[in-house]
């Protein structure tokens, strides 16, 4: 990625004037992590925003002792720690690395605020993306309370297709990195239940899936 920050598939530096690009592009720090390392813990001071250049990071909340709630699983190009923009002083979640050779850029909040003050389009983009993140969390809470597992899986697949799917014939092809356990964590069920639901959808001709890809022949029929 070489000193270019992408924010939810938006190249933030592309909306900055050339002299700002030159100043900020090489100023952030990059760190390397191995599987099992932590980028930050709950209650750590919130001073930076992070971008994944390579690898994967899981964002978790603690509930009762020994229990965790998965907020998101992030990969190359994703940002996290963004609540610092809204004034978070201490981390309310924690961020374990789940893949070896994970590379993470970090930018100090004061520098980020300087960018936002200097460029209104940049600031609007960040605020919109934070709003989208909050809406997704609200959707997940609503789904856990009111929707059955099959519906949650269907909506998860459709959300993936909307975010990163490509047209193939009349359907949608979705490349992804989620294992069934990851999907189970994100929609609040067990890995076995996810596997059964995927097999049911496959038998009904609504999806085709492999380990790292899903094909939806007719998105309207699935939804």
Protein backbone atom coordinates (compact mmCIF):
# COMPACT_ATOMS: atom_id res chain seq x y z
CA UNK A 1 0.00 0.00 0.00
CA UNK A 2 3.14 2.18 0.28
CA UNK A 3 2.08 5.19 2.32
CA UNK A 4 -1.39 5.49 0.81
CA UNK A 5 -4.28 5.29 3.29
CA UNK A 6 -7.51 3.73 2.06
CA UNK A 7 -10.59 4.30 4.20
CA UNK A 8 -13.49 1.92 3.42
CA UNK A 9 -12.25 1.70 -0.20
CA UNK A 10 -11.88 5.49 -0.42
CA UNK A 11 -8.39 6.83 -1.14
CA UNK A 12 -8.31 9.70 1.34
CA UNK A 13 -5.18 11.24 -0.05
CA UNK A 14 -6.77 11.44 -3.49
CA UNK A 15 -8.99 14.24 -2.16
CA UNK A 16 -6.06 16.19 -0.70
CA UNK A 17 -4.11 18.80 -2.61
CA UNK A 18 -0.64 17.67 -3.78
CA UNK A 19 1.32 19.67 -1.19
CA UNK A 20 -0.69 18.10 1.64
CA UNK A 21 -0.15 14.66 0.20
CA UNK A 22 3.57 15.20 0.21
CA UNK A 23 3.55 16.31 3.83
CA UNK A 24 1.34 13.60 5.31
CA UNK A 25 2.03 10.54 3.17
CA UNK A 26 5.22 9.46 4.90
CA UNK A 27 4.49 10.69 8.41
CA UNK A 28 2.58 7.79 9.92
CA UNK A 29 4.14 4.80 11.65
CA UNK A 30 3.82 1.19 10.56
CA UNK A 31 4.11 -1.78 12.92
CA UNK A 32 4.32 -5.51 12.28
CA UNK A 33 2.30 -8.03 14.32
CA UNK A 34 2.02 -11.78 14.55
CA UNK A 35 -1.09 -13.86 15.24
CA UNK A 36 -2.04 -13.51 18.91
CA UNK A 37 -0.52 -10.03 19.33
CA UNK A 38 -2.73 -7.11 20.33
CA UNK A 39 -2.80 -3.70 18.67
CA UNK A 40 -4.48 -2.29 21.78
CA UNK A 41 -6.43 -3.40 24.86
CA UNK A 42 -9.59 -2.18 26.56
CA UNK A 43 -8.89 0.93 28.66
CA UNK A 44 -5.74 1.79 26.70
CA UNK A 45 -5.46 5.52 25.94
CA UNK A 46 -7.09 6.32 22.60
CA UNK A 47 -4.51 8.36 20.71
CA UNK A 48 -4.37 6.87 17.20
CA UNK A 49 -6.43 5.70 14.27
CA UNK A 50 -5.22 2.56 12.49
CA UNK A 51 -5.13 1.17 8.96
CA UNK A 52 -4.41 -2.45 8.02
CA UNK A 53 -1.86 -2.68 5.23
CA UNK A 54 -1.66 -6.47 5.33
CA UNK A 55 -3.24 -9.25 7.40
CA UNK A 56 -6.30 -9.36 9.67
CA UNK A 57 -7.44 -7.87 12.97
CA UNK A 58 -10.49 -8.75 15.05
CA UNK A 59 -12.32 -6.09 17.09
CA UNK A 60 -13.87 -7.47 20.30
CA UNK A 61 -15.85 -6.35 23.32
CA UNK A 62 -15.89 -8.12 26.67
CA UNK A 63 -19.24 -8.98 28.24
CA UNK A 64 -19.33 -11.37 31.17
CA UNK A 65 -16.04 -12.95 32.31
CA UNK A 66 -14.75 -15.28 29.64
CA UNK A 67 -17.21 -14.09 26.99
CA UNK A 68 -16.48 -11.90 23.99
CA UNK A 69 -18.62 -10.14 21.40
CA UNK A 70 -17.13 -9.81 17.92
CA UNK A 71 -17.73 -6.32 16.53
CA UNK A 72 -15.88 -6.82 13.26
CA UNK A 73 -13.16 -8.75 11.46
CA UNK A 74 -11.00 -6.45 9.37
CA UNK A 75 -8.46 -6.96 6.60
CA UNK A 76 -6.28 -5.03 4.16
CA UNK A 77 -7.53 -1.50 3.57
CA UNK A 78 -9.81 -1.38 6.64
CA UNK A 79 -9.47 1.21 9.39
CA UNK A 80 -10.19 0.83 13.09
CA UNK A 81 -9.93 2.83 16.30
CA UNK A 82 -12.03 5.47 14.57
CA UNK A 83 -14.03 6.35 17.70
CA UNK A 84 -11.08 8.51 18.73
CA UNK A 85 -12.44 10.97 16.16
CA UNK A 86 -15.61 11.31 18.26
CA UNK A 87 -13.68 12.01 21.44
CA UNK A 88 -13.03 8.53 22.81
CA UNK A 89 -10.30 8.86 25.44
CA UNK A 90 -9.91 5.18 26.41
CA UNK A 91 -10.52 2.14 24.24
CA UNK A 92 -13.86 0.46 24.87
CA UNK A 93 -12.88 -2.61 22.84
CA UNK A 94 -9.69 -4.55 22.11
CA UNK A 95 -7.95 -5.54 18.90
CA UNK A 96 -6.17 -8.92 18.61
CA UNK A 97 -4.28 -9.82 15.45
CA UNK A 98 -5.53 -13.05 13.85
CA UNK A 99 -3.00 -13.56 11.05
CA UNK A 100 0.78 -13.63 10.95
CA UNK A 101 2.70 -10.84 9.21
CA UNK A 102 -0.06 -8.31 9.81
CA UNK A 103 1.08 -4.75 9.07
CA UNK A 104 -0.76 -1.81 10.62
CA UNK A 105 -0.26 1.90 9.98
CA UNK A 106 -1.14 4.30 12.78
CA UNK A 107 -1.78 8.03 12.68
CA UNK A 108 -1.87 10.29 15.71
CA UNK A 109 -5.26 11.89 16.37
CA UNK A 110 -3.77 15.39 16.34
CA UNK A 111 -2.45 14.80 12.83
CA UNK A 112 -5.79 13.36 11.73
CA UNK A 113 -7.61 16.37 13.16
CA UNK A 114 -5.22 18.62 11.26
CA UNK A 115 -6.11 16.83 8.04
CA UNK A 116 -9.81 17.19 8.79
CA UNK A 117 -9.49 20.90 9.49
CA UNK A 118 -7.48 21.44 6.33
CA UNK A 119 -9.80 19.54 4.02
CA UNK A 120 -13.58 19.56 4.40
CA UNK A 121 -14.13 16.75 1.91
CA UNK A 122 -11.73 14.59 3.89
CA UNK A 123 -13.62 15.37 7.13
CA UNK A 124 -17.02 14.66 5.57
CA UNK A 125 -15.77 11.32 4.24
CA UNK A 126 -14.56 10.23 7.66
CA UNK A 127 -17.78 11.28 9.37
CA UNK A 128 -19.87 9.41 6.81
CA UNK A 129 -17.85 6.23 7.25
CA UNK A 130 -18.12 6.40 11.04
CA UNK A 131 -21.87 6.83 10.63
CA UNK A 132 -21.99 3.75 8.40
CA UNK A 133 -20.08 1.74 11.01
CA UNK A 134 -22.56 2.75 13.71
CA UNK A 135 -25.51 1.85 11.49
CA UNK A 136 -24.02 -1.60 10.83
CA UNK A 137 -23.69 -2.22 14.56
CA UNK A 138 -27.30 -1.14 15.06
CA UNK A 139 -28.37 -3.54 12.29
CA UNK A 140 -26.52 -6.40 13.98
CA UNK A 141 -28.19 -5.70 17.33
CA UNK A 142 -31.60 -5.56 15.66
CA UNK A 143 -30.92 -8.82 13.82
CA UNK A 144 -29.83 -10.63 16.98
CA UNK A 145 -33.01 -9.64 18.78
CA UNK A 146 -35.64 -9.98 16.07
CA UNK A 147 -34.38 -12.25 13.28
CA UNK A 148 -33.76 -15.98 13.00
CA UNK A 149 -30.38 -17.44 12.03
CA UNK A 150 -31.29 -18.12 8.39
CA UNK A 151 -32.37 -14.51 7.89
CA UNK A 152 -29.18 -13.26 9.54
CA UNK A 153 -27.03 -15.40 7.24
CA UNK A 154 -28.94 -14.29 4.14
CA UNK A 155 -28.56 -10.63 5.14
CA UNK A 156 -24.87 -11.17 5.91
CA UNK A 157 -24.37 -12.62 2.41
CA UNK A 158 -26.31 -9.79 0.79
CA UNK A 159 -24.31 -7.23 2.75
CA UNK A 160 -21.07 -8.82 1.53
CA UNK A 161 -22.37 -8.76 -2.04
CA UNK A 162 -23.32 -5.09 -1.72
CA UNK A 163 -19.95 -4.11 -0.23
CA UNK A 164 -17.57 -6.18 -2.33
CA UNK A 165 -19.47 -8.30 -4.85
CA UNK A 166 -18.91 -8.30 -8.60
CA UNK A 167 -21.45 -9.06 -11.31
CA UNK A 168 -21.16 -12.52 -12.85
CA UNK A 169 -23.74 -13.55 -15.44
CA UNK A 170 -27.04 -12.71 -13.72
CA UNK A 171 -25.65 -13.21 -10.23
CA UNK A 172 -23.07 -11.84 -7.82
CA UNK A 173 -19.63 -13.26 -7.07
CA UNK A 174 -18.22 -12.45 -3.61
CA UNK A 175 -14.60 -13.12 -2.67
CA UNK A 176 -14.16 -13.13 1.11
CA UNK A 177 -11.90 -14.30 3.94
CA UNK A 178 -14.51 -15.36 6.50
CA UNK A 179 -14.47 -18.87 7.92
CA UNK A 180 -17.79 -20.28 9.15
CA UNK A 181 -16.61 -19.61 12.71
CA UNK A 182 -16.04 -15.95 11.82
CA UNK A 183 -19.53 -15.64 10.35
CA UNK A 184 -20.99 -17.38 13.39
CA UNK A 185 -19.27 -14.89 15.71
CA UNK A 186 -20.49 -11.93 13.68
CA UNK A 187 -24.14 -12.99 13.54
CA UNK A 188 -24.34 -14.49 17.01
CA UNK A 189 -24.69 -18.23 16.50
CA UNK A 190 -22.56 -21.42 16.32
CA UNK A 191 -20.28 -22.59 13.54
CA UNK A 192 -22.35 -25.77 13.15
CA UNK A 193 -25.53 -23.73 12.67
CA UNK A 194 -23.87 -21.59 10.01
CA UNK A 195 -22.68 -24.70 8.15
CA UNK A 196 -26.17 -26.24 8.22
CA UNK A 197 -27.78 -23.00 7.01
CA UNK A 198 -25.28 -22.63 4.16
CA UNK A 199 -25.89 -26.22 3.08
CA UNK A 200 -29.66 -25.63 3.13
CA UNK A 201 -29.28 -22.51 0.98
CA UNK A 202 -27.01 -24.41 -1.40
CA UNK A 203 -29.47 -27.30 -1.71
CA UNK A 204 -32.20 -24.79 -2.53
CA UNK A 205 -30.05 -23.36 -5.34
CA UNK A 206 -29.83 -19.93 -3.69
CA UNK A 207 -26.06 -19.85 -3.22
CA UNK A 208 -22.91 -21.68 -4.22
CA UNK A 209 -19.96 -21.46 -1.90
CA UNK A 210 -16.35 -22.43 -1.49
CA UNK A 211 -13.90 -21.63 1.27
CA UNK A 212 -13.13 -18.11 0.07
CA UNK A 213 -15.94 -17.26 -2.30
CA UNK A 214 -19.71 -17.18 -2.53
CA UNK A 215 -21.77 -17.03 -5.70
CA UNK A 216 -25.36 -15.80 -5.54
CA UNK A 217 -27.09 -16.83 -8.81
CA UNK A 218 -30.13 -14.62 -8.23
CA UNK A 219 -29.75 -11.97 -5.49
CA UNK A 220 -33.46 -11.14 -5.64
CA UNK A 221 -34.42 -14.74 -4.95
CA UNK A 222 -31.99 -14.92 -2.00
CA UNK A 223 -33.18 -11.67 -0.47
